[in-house]
Every structure is written in C-alpha cells, then in structure tokens.
Protein backbone atom coordinates (compact mmCIF):
# COMPACT_ATOMS: atom_id res chain seq x y z
CA MET A 1 84.93 -6.81 42.50
CA PRO A 2 82.59 -9.95 41.99
CA LYS A 3 84.86 -13.21 42.49
CA ILE A 4 84.94 -16.03 40.43
CA ASP A 5 82.19 -18.63 41.53
CA ARG A 6 81.83 -21.33 38.87
CA VAL A 7 83.94 -22.62 35.66
CA GLU A 8 81.85 -24.65 33.43
CA THR A 9 83.28 -26.06 30.10
CA PHE A 10 81.12 -27.67 27.32
CA LEU A 11 82.69 -29.80 24.51
CA ILE A 12 80.32 -29.53 21.02
CA ASP A 13 80.71 -31.25 17.67
CA ILE A 14 79.18 -29.30 15.03
CA PRO A 15 79.15 -31.05 11.26
CA THR A 16 80.64 -28.73 8.66
CA ILE A 17 78.74 -27.92 5.41
CA ARG A 18 81.30 -29.65 3.20
CA GLY A 19 84.42 -31.48 3.64
CA HIS A 20 87.37 -29.07 4.60
CA VAL A 21 90.58 -30.31 2.92
CA LEU A 22 93.78 -29.87 4.65
CA SER A 23 97.06 -30.91 4.14
CA MET A 24 96.91 -32.78 7.07
CA THR A 25 93.31 -34.16 7.36
CA THR A 26 89.98 -33.56 5.72
CA MET A 27 87.29 -31.90 8.54
CA THR A 28 83.52 -32.88 8.56
CA VAL A 29 83.18 -31.97 11.82
CA GLN A 30 84.60 -29.26 14.12
CA SER A 31 84.74 -30.05 17.77
CA ILE A 32 84.54 -26.83 20.04
CA VAL A 33 85.44 -26.09 23.65
CA LEU A 34 82.98 -23.47 25.34
CA VAL A 35 84.09 -21.87 28.71
CA ARG A 36 81.49 -20.23 30.98
CA LEU A 37 82.58 -18.19 33.97
CA ARG A 38 80.01 -17.43 36.40
CA PHE A 39 80.69 -14.79 38.93
CA GLU A 40 79.12 -14.10 42.15
CA ASP A 41 77.06 -11.25 41.41
CA GLY A 42 75.03 -13.32 38.99
CA SER A 43 77.10 -12.28 35.80
CA ASP A 44 78.76 -14.56 33.36
CA GLY A 45 81.38 -14.34 30.46
CA TRP A 46 81.74 -17.04 27.70
CA GLY A 47 85.10 -17.84 26.08
CA GLU A 48 86.12 -20.85 23.24
CA GLY A 49 88.91 -23.07 22.77
CA THR A 50 89.22 -24.38 19.09
CA THR A 51 91.48 -26.08 17.37
CA ILE A 52 91.92 -27.05 13.85
CA GLY A 53 91.95 -31.02 12.87
CA GLY A 54 92.41 -32.20 16.30
CA MET A 55 96.40 -33.14 17.46
CA ARG A 56 97.10 -33.18 13.54
CA TYR A 57 97.70 -29.53 13.62
CA CYS A 58 99.02 -28.71 16.92
CA ALA A 59 99.72 -30.32 20.06
CA GLU A 60 96.20 -29.38 21.73
CA SER A 61 93.08 -31.26 21.03
CA PRO A 62 89.62 -30.34 22.38
CA GLU A 63 89.64 -33.12 24.96
CA SER A 64 93.06 -31.73 26.01
CA ILE A 65 91.91 -28.16 25.82
CA ARG A 66 88.75 -29.13 28.22
CA LEU A 67 91.03 -31.22 30.53
CA ALA A 68 93.47 -28.69 31.12
CA ILE A 69 90.88 -26.15 31.84
CA ASP A 70 88.75 -28.35 34.21
CA SER A 71 91.65 -30.09 36.12
CA TYR A 72 94.13 -27.03 36.32
CA ILE A 73 93.14 -23.72 35.21
CA ALA A 74 89.56 -24.01 36.81
CA PRO A 75 90.84 -24.67 40.57
CA ALA A 76 93.48 -22.30 40.49
CA ILE A 77 91.21 -19.39 39.36
CA SER A 78 88.24 -20.33 41.33
CA GLY A 79 87.62 -17.63 44.28
CA LEU A 80 89.58 -14.92 41.93
CA GLU A 81 88.30 -11.37 41.74
CA GLY A 82 86.75 -11.32 38.25
CA ASP A 83 87.36 -7.93 37.16
CA ASN A 84 91.61 -8.04 37.79
CA ILE A 85 92.27 -9.87 34.44
CA ASN A 86 95.72 -9.53 35.02
CA ALA A 87 95.99 -11.14 38.28
CA ALA A 88 93.97 -14.20 36.88
CA LEU A 89 96.25 -14.33 33.90
CA ALA A 90 99.23 -14.59 35.93
CA VAL A 91 97.87 -17.32 37.96
CA ILE A 92 96.76 -19.53 34.66
CA GLU A 93 100.17 -18.46 32.89
CA THR A 94 101.94 -19.67 36.18
CA THR A 95 99.52 -22.70 36.40
CA VAL A 96 99.41 -24.25 32.85
CA ARG A 97 102.74 -24.08 30.92
CA GLY A 98 101.80 -24.13 27.09
CA ASN A 99 98.42 -25.13 26.02
CA PRO A 100 97.69 -21.12 24.74
CA ILE A 101 94.36 -22.50 23.47
CA ALA A 102 92.97 -23.62 26.81
CA ARG A 103 94.26 -20.74 28.35
CA ALA A 104 92.84 -18.31 25.79
CA ALA A 105 89.39 -19.61 26.24
CA VAL A 106 89.19 -19.06 30.00
CA GLU A 107 90.77 -15.34 29.57
CA MET A 108 88.22 -14.38 26.78
CA ALA A 109 85.71 -15.30 29.32
CA LEU A 110 87.07 -13.06 31.71
CA TRP A 111 87.15 -9.77 29.13
CA ASP A 112 83.86 -11.18 28.20
CA GLY A 113 82.41 -10.94 31.60
CA LEU A 114 84.16 -7.76 32.68
CA ALA A 115 82.73 -5.83 29.57
CA ARG A 116 79.56 -6.90 30.14
CA ARG A 117 79.56 -5.79 33.97
CA LEU A 118 80.72 -2.49 32.68
CA ASP A 119 77.91 -2.44 29.66
CA GLN A 120 80.71 -2.19 27.20
CA PRO A 121 81.98 -3.99 24.22
CA ILE A 122 85.53 -5.69 24.55
CA ALA A 123 87.05 -3.13 21.89
CA GLN A 124 86.37 -0.53 24.60
CA LEU A 125 88.79 -2.45 27.01
CA PHE A 126 91.05 -2.26 24.27
CA GLY A 127 90.91 1.53 23.43
CA GLY A 128 88.22 1.40 21.37
CA ALA A 129 87.12 0.27 18.15
CA LEU A 130 88.13 1.75 14.67
CA HIS A 131 85.83 -0.01 12.39
CA ASP A 132 82.44 -1.41 12.02
CA SER A 133 83.29 -3.95 9.72
CA LEU A 134 86.47 -5.72 8.60
CA PRO A 135 87.04 -7.36 5.27
CA VAL A 136 86.66 -11.31 5.59
CA ALA A 137 88.42 -14.17 3.18
CA TRP A 138 86.71 -17.20 2.60
CA THR A 139 88.73 -20.71 2.32
CA LEU A 140 88.28 -22.86 -0.96
CA ALA A 141 88.93 -26.48 0.42
CA SER A 142 87.28 -28.93 -1.50
CA GLY A 143 90.24 -30.01 -3.46
CA ASN A 144 88.70 -29.68 -6.87
CA SER A 145 89.37 -27.05 -8.97
CA GLN A 146 85.91 -26.51 -10.86
CA THR A 147 84.19 -27.39 -7.24
CA ASP A 148 86.37 -24.24 -5.79
CA ILE A 149 85.75 -21.71 -8.95
CA THR A 150 81.90 -22.22 -8.92
CA GLU A 151 81.85 -21.53 -4.93
CA ALA A 152 84.20 -18.86 -5.33
CA GLN A 153 82.00 -17.27 -8.01
CA GLN A 154 78.72 -17.71 -6.36
CA MET A 155 80.51 -15.71 -3.09
CA ILE A 156 81.32 -12.87 -5.18
CA GLU A 157 77.93 -12.65 -7.05
CA THR A 158 76.44 -12.59 -3.54
CA GLY A 159 78.70 -10.10 -1.95
CA ARG A 160 79.76 -12.31 0.56
CA HIS A 161 83.65 -12.78 -0.15
CA ASN A 162 86.19 -11.57 -2.80
CA ILE A 163 89.19 -12.87 -0.78
CA PHE A 164 90.12 -16.59 -1.11
CA LYS A 165 92.46 -18.85 0.55
CA LEU A 166 92.89 -22.46 -1.01
CA LYS A 167 94.13 -24.86 1.32
CA ILE A 168 97.14 -26.81 -0.63
CA GLY A 169 99.99 -28.99 0.06
CA LYS A 170 98.20 -32.34 -0.04
CA ARG A 171 99.51 -32.94 -3.50
CA PRO A 172 102.61 -32.82 -5.53
CA VAL A 173 103.53 -29.04 -5.83
CA ARG A 174 102.90 -28.73 -9.32
CA ASP A 175 99.70 -29.94 -8.98
CA ASP A 176 98.87 -27.62 -6.50
CA VAL A 177 100.27 -24.50 -8.51
CA ALA A 178 98.10 -25.78 -11.13
CA HIS A 179 95.05 -26.02 -9.14
CA VAL A 180 95.43 -22.58 -8.04
CA ALA A 181 96.56 -21.33 -11.44
CA ALA A 182 93.06 -22.27 -13.01
CA ILE A 183 91.04 -20.66 -10.13
CA LYS A 184 93.07 -17.41 -9.98
CA ALA A 185 92.89 -17.63 -14.02
CA SER A 186 88.66 -18.17 -13.63
CA LEU A 187 88.30 -15.51 -11.11
CA GLY A 188 90.86 -12.76 -12.64
CA ASP A 189 91.02 -9.31 -10.62
CA LYS A 190 87.53 -9.86 -9.09
CA ALA A 191 89.31 -11.68 -6.49
CA SER A 192 92.56 -11.91 -4.06
CA VAL A 193 93.69 -15.54 -4.24
CA ARG A 194 96.13 -16.55 -1.29
CA VAL A 195 97.57 -20.13 -0.28
CA ASP A 196 97.91 -21.90 3.07
CA VAL A 197 100.41 -24.71 2.89
CA ASN A 198 100.07 -25.71 6.64
CA GLN A 199 103.79 -26.27 6.51
CA SER A 200 103.81 -29.55 4.24
CA TRP A 201 106.52 -28.48 1.75
CA SER A 202 110.25 -28.90 1.99
CA LEU A 203 112.71 -26.04 1.33
CA SER A 204 113.25 -27.01 -2.26
CA ASP A 205 109.45 -27.49 -2.97
CA ALA A 206 108.63 -24.11 -1.32
CA ARG A 207 111.36 -22.34 -3.47
CA TRP A 208 109.61 -23.94 -6.50
CA GLY A 209 106.01 -23.40 -5.30
CA LEU A 210 106.51 -19.89 -4.28
CA ALA A 211 107.98 -18.99 -7.90
CA GLY A 212 105.18 -20.63 -9.71
CA LEU A 213 102.52 -19.29 -7.41
CA GLN A 214 103.86 -15.58 -8.16
CA ASP A 215 103.91 -16.20 -11.64
CA VAL A 216 100.15 -17.42 -12.02
CA GLY A 217 99.02 -14.13 -9.32
CA CYS A 218 98.50 -15.50 -6.10
CA ASP A 219 99.05 -12.87 -3.54
CA LEU A 220 100.23 -14.73 -0.19
CA VAL A 221 101.71 -17.97 0.82
CA GLU A 222 100.91 -19.18 4.46
CA GLN A 223 103.33 -21.31 6.61
CA PRO A 224 104.80 -23.09 3.67
CA ILE A 225 107.34 -24.97 5.67
CA PRO A 226 107.48 -26.45 9.19
CA ALA A 227 107.11 -23.98 12.10
CA ASP A 228 110.35 -24.52 13.36
CA GLN A 229 112.18 -23.71 10.33
CA ILE A 230 112.80 -20.41 11.10
CA SER A 231 115.83 -19.46 9.02
CA ASN A 232 114.34 -20.98 6.18
CA LEU A 233 111.23 -18.98 6.01
CA LYS A 234 113.50 -15.78 6.30
CA ALA A 235 115.30 -17.32 3.45
CA LEU A 236 111.95 -17.66 1.51
CA THR A 237 110.86 -14.39 2.60
CA ASP A 238 114.06 -12.45 1.32
CA SER A 239 114.23 -14.61 -2.20
CA ILE A 240 110.52 -13.99 -3.54
CA ASN A 241 108.55 -10.83 -4.20
CA ILE A 242 105.28 -12.93 -2.98
CA ALA A 243 104.13 -12.20 0.51
CA VAL A 244 105.25 -14.85 3.31
CA MET A 245 102.94 -15.21 6.21
CA ALA A 246 104.07 -16.89 9.37
CA ASP A 247 100.99 -18.81 11.01
CA GLU A 248 101.74 -22.07 13.07
CA ALA A 249 105.29 -20.30 13.78
CA LEU A 250 103.65 -17.80 15.57
CA GLN A 251 102.62 -18.78 19.07
CA GLY A 252 102.57 -15.81 21.01
CA PRO A 253 104.54 -12.57 21.80
CA LYS A 254 107.77 -14.29 22.16
CA ASP A 255 107.68 -15.82 18.50
CA ALA A 256 106.50 -12.65 17.29
CA LEU A 257 109.79 -11.00 18.53
CA ARG A 258 111.84 -13.73 17.27
CA LEU A 259 110.52 -13.46 13.59
CA ALA A 260 110.43 -9.60 13.63
CA ALA A 261 114.03 -9.47 14.91
CA ASP A 262 115.37 -10.63 11.62
CA ARG A 263 111.89 -10.16 9.50
CA SER A 264 111.61 -13.76 8.78
CA ALA A 265 107.82 -12.87 7.58
CA ASP A 266 106.50 -10.29 5.47
CA VAL A 267 102.72 -11.11 7.58
CA PHE A 268 101.60 -11.82 10.67
CA ALA A 269 98.79 -14.42 10.92
CA VAL A 270 97.38 -13.33 14.27
CA LYS A 271 95.32 -16.11 16.00
CA ILE A 272 93.80 -15.28 19.47
CA ALA A 273 93.71 -18.76 20.46
CA GLN A 274 97.24 -19.49 19.18
CA SER A 275 98.60 -16.44 21.02
CA GLY A 276 97.31 -17.53 24.43
CA GLY A 277 94.07 -14.95 24.43
CA LEU A 278 93.28 -11.40 23.55
CA LYS A 279 96.14 -9.54 25.97
CA ARG A 280 98.74 -11.54 24.38
CA ALA A 281 97.46 -11.06 20.58
CA ALA A 282 97.45 -7.34 21.39
CA GLU A 283 101.01 -7.88 22.10
CA VAL A 284 101.79 -9.59 18.97
CA VAL A 285 100.13 -7.14 17.10
CA ALA A 286 102.34 -4.35 18.67
CA ILE A 287 105.21 -6.24 17.66
CA ALA A 288 104.43 -6.41 14.09
CA ARG A 289 103.36 -2.82 13.74
CA SER A 290 106.62 -1.73 15.34
CA ALA A 291 108.45 -3.88 12.95
CA ASP A 292 106.40 -2.53 9.87
CA ILE A 293 105.07 -6.19 9.37
CA GLY A 294 101.84 -6.84 7.79
CA LEU A 295 98.68 -8.12 9.81
CA TYR A 296 96.11 -10.82 8.96
CA ALA A 297 93.31 -11.65 11.43
CA GLY A 298 93.59 -15.48 11.47
CA THR A 299 90.94 -18.06 12.58
CA MET A 300 90.91 -21.78 14.05
CA LEU A 301 87.86 -22.16 12.48
CA GLU A 302 85.78 -21.38 15.48
CA SER A 303 82.29 -20.58 16.17
CA GLY A 304 80.63 -17.09 16.91
CA VAL A 305 81.83 -17.02 20.36
CA SER A 306 85.63 -16.84 19.56
CA THR A 307 84.75 -15.10 16.35
CA ALA A 308 83.01 -12.10 17.62
CA THR A 309 85.44 -11.87 20.53
CA ALA A 310 88.19 -11.69 17.78
CA LEU A 311 86.30 -9.26 15.78
CA GLN A 312 86.35 -6.99 19.19
CA LEU A 313 90.16 -6.92 19.26
CA PHE A 314 90.77 -6.69 15.37
CA ALA A 315 88.30 -3.65 15.51
CA THR A 316 90.79 -1.59 17.47
CA VAL A 317 93.80 -2.26 15.05
CA ARG A 318 94.04 0.80 12.74
CA HIS A 319 95.20 -1.45 9.83
CA LEU A 320 94.82 -4.83 8.74
CA ALA A 321 96.73 -4.78 5.35
CA TRP A 322 95.61 -8.53 4.79
CA GLY A 323 92.08 -8.49 6.52
CA THR A 324 90.84 -11.07 8.36
CA GLU A 325 89.61 -14.69 7.51
CA LEU A 326 87.12 -14.75 10.59
CA PHE A 327 84.55 -16.84 8.66
CA GLY A 328 84.31 -19.94 11.02
CA PRO A 329 80.50 -19.62 11.89
CA LEU A 330 79.63 -19.94 8.03
CA LEU A 331 81.81 -23.43 7.74
CA PHE A 332 79.04 -24.86 10.07
CA ARG A 333 76.16 -26.83 9.57
CA ASP A 334 74.29 -24.74 12.51
CA GLU A 335 74.52 -22.03 14.34
CA ILE A 336 75.16 -21.67 18.11
CA LEU A 337 74.28 -17.68 18.60
CA GLN A 338 71.02 -16.25 19.30
CA THR A 339 71.64 -14.01 16.72
CA PRO A 340 74.25 -14.95 13.47
CA LEU A 341 77.30 -12.65 12.82
CA THR A 342 76.48 -10.41 9.73
CA TYR A 343 78.52 -11.22 6.65
CA GLN A 344 77.87 -8.84 3.71
CA ASN A 345 79.55 -6.51 1.25
CA PHE A 346 82.80 -8.85 1.61
CA SER A 347 82.98 -8.22 5.07
CA VAL A 348 81.97 -9.05 8.62
CA THR A 349 80.07 -6.69 10.97
CA ILE A 350 81.65 -6.19 14.46
CA PRO A 351 78.80 -7.09 16.76
CA GLU A 352 77.13 -4.53 18.93
CA GLY A 353 76.72 -4.76 22.64
CA PRO A 354 78.69 -5.61 25.61
CA GLY A 355 80.90 -7.76 26.10
CA SER A 356 81.45 -10.07 22.86
CA GLY A 357 78.24 -8.22 21.43
CA VAL A 358 76.75 -11.62 20.89
CA GLU A 359 74.28 -14.21 23.01
CA VAL A 360 75.12 -17.85 23.30
CA ASP A 361 71.98 -20.40 22.08
CA ILE A 362 72.06 -22.39 25.25
CA SER A 363 69.52 -25.03 23.59
CA LYS A 364 72.08 -25.52 20.72
CA ILE A 365 75.07 -26.16 23.05
CA GLU A 366 72.79 -28.69 24.76
CA PHE A 367 71.98 -30.27 21.67
CA TYR A 368 75.49 -30.81 20.32
CA ARG A 369 77.52 -31.24 23.28
CA ARG A 370 79.40 -34.54 23.55
CA ASP A 371 77.83 -35.33 26.68
CA ARG A 372 74.76 -34.00 28.66
CA THR A 373 76.60 -32.94 31.87
CA ALA A 374 78.89 -29.99 32.16
CA SER A 375 81.66 -30.16 34.33
CA LEU A 376 81.56 -27.67 36.86
CA HIS A 377 84.32 -26.28 39.61
CA ALA A 378 82.59 -24.49 42.47
CA VAL A 379 83.88 -22.75 45.67
CA GLN A 380 82.31 -21.21 48.60
CA ILE A 381 82.84 -17.67 48.91
C-alpha cells in the first residue's frame, strides 16, 4: 500500500456571480481550502474544506481550516498507508478535536486517492451508485422579490432548477413571509419553494413564521432557530405540518442520534463537511433512514471538488426525499474543474470516472490562490 508522501493545501478566493444574501452576511467571494494528498506511488487525491460566510456561520474559517491541516493533521498522517482510510481517520480524529471541515477535506482526498488507484468511482467504495443523476435545488438570495422571481422563472424555463430555497431571516418575520408569498404565488405549482433561516429566529418568531409560511405554500423550513435549542426545534416540529429541517444543529453522527432519538426534526440536511467527512456523513444517513427521517443533501457552497465527491456518496443513497442543493459551482464566476459538472433536466449528473470523477484545473488554482506558494508537508519514506 502506498504511503502518504506529501500534504499540500491551497487557499483560493473565487468571486460569486451576484451577492448571496444570508441572514448573517452577504457573500460576494467564496474562500475555499483545497487539499492535495500525494502518495509514494505517484498517485494523488483531492479534497476540499469550505465554509459559508467565514466565522459568521460556524467556528471554522478558511484560514483556520488550512491551519488545522498544515499544523496538526498533515504531520500526523504523513507516512501512513494511504489505502487504510480507517487507520488514517482514527489518527486525524485523535489529533484534531472538532474542526469537522478540516478533517473532512483530508478524508475526501484519502477516498479520492484510493478510488483512483483502484480505478473505481468513490461511490463503488460505499456500495455502488443507485442513481446517475439527482434533483438539485437553487438558492434565491438576492433579497429582492422581483429579482428572485425573474431568476427562478429563467431557471425553470431553461430546465436547470424547479426547486428553490430562499435565504431569509435578515428582515422582520412578517416581511420575510410576504417575500416568500410573492415568489410562491408567482411560481405556483411549477416549483417547490423552501426557506433557510440560518438560526436567526426566536422561538416566538418561528412559531408565527412557520404558520405563515405554511399558509403561503412553502414546503420546508431549514434551521429556523439556534442550533443549540434542540427542545425548541422539537416543539416546532411537533406543532406544525410544514417540514422542519435540521442543519447547523447537525454536526455529525452524535448530533444525528440525539435529534433522531425524539424526532426533533422531520428532515436532515446532510453535509459532508459539517459531518466530518464521507464516512461520518454515511453514518448520519444511516441514522436518518433508521429513524424514518427525510434526507436532503446539503452544501457549504463548495466548488466542484467537494460537490463531485458529495455526489458520489449521495448517489448511493436509495431515497433522498428532499433532493439536493449541490449547486455550489454554479454560484461562482469561474470554474476550477477541467470539465464542469453537468446540470440539466432539473438535476445534476453524477460524474463518471475514477475517484470523485472530476479533474482539477491546476492553472485556475494558481490564478485564484491567495498566496503563490503551496504549504507542503513531506516525509522521507
């Protein structure tokens, strides 16, 4: 088995196609940490660690993700056997507590490298793909009702998306409900409309808001209240018909088990990065399926590297009741893959080929990297 020879990290900044308005910030640039593992046999594997809106969203930032990898994870795994992912993961999880996005980025690269050496897609290592494409949502986040309506109508007409998630929570609850109502009324039955509140409502606001959103035809509400208010999330789930989805409250298998134990949510937004990697995300999926909780493949607005890797895992899941939102690459002004992912017929195609199924465009990484020198960790084998 080839040993891990080097760990390289790249921090890149890619402009977005428009301002992406969240309850806590407005994004105009996405910062991405890419990880390249090089193995002694000459093979390599790529991973990605990306968060949303810097530290306004979670405890990890692009800078901290890279620091955790460079200073702690890389020295710990250099020289380990690249094919034994369980052993490497045990070392990573012992070396670095928390930091699920940093851990996930390295673990992705391990799976990618192994699958490429076996000349198989990552999906095959998780039992095999059940789908060749998955439905994909688009996030409407301009903050302007008419702008969002026009954008959604264009997406429907071109066959790219007919599931839309609205980012709300920055304005008063009644204004947000009116915003959603205007968009749903315009789109009618041509589209599913969901919302993501990103923890910004109080319990009382959430009670009023969920009732109002249900009345105007909204299908799903994502993380309406702070992540640590699990009992309140359950109260909302129990008291309203509209589906309630856990996102920020779901940071891996332990949280999944806690949420599933008393059914504190109807749906799990499963994110590879937030779960701590592919293996832990698969465990979250298994817990949800056992508890009959709906599944939704979430995104941290990643580039094509992580998006393709996530697609490999979610292609193995029998039923994603709420589809996916793996649209991240479409939000950026430029593409860092040699061949972009295919979005058509309201779906995203599972990439074929070994590993994640995609190839990185090194020239784009060089162009967008924040510095011009990769951070390297090498050992003598």
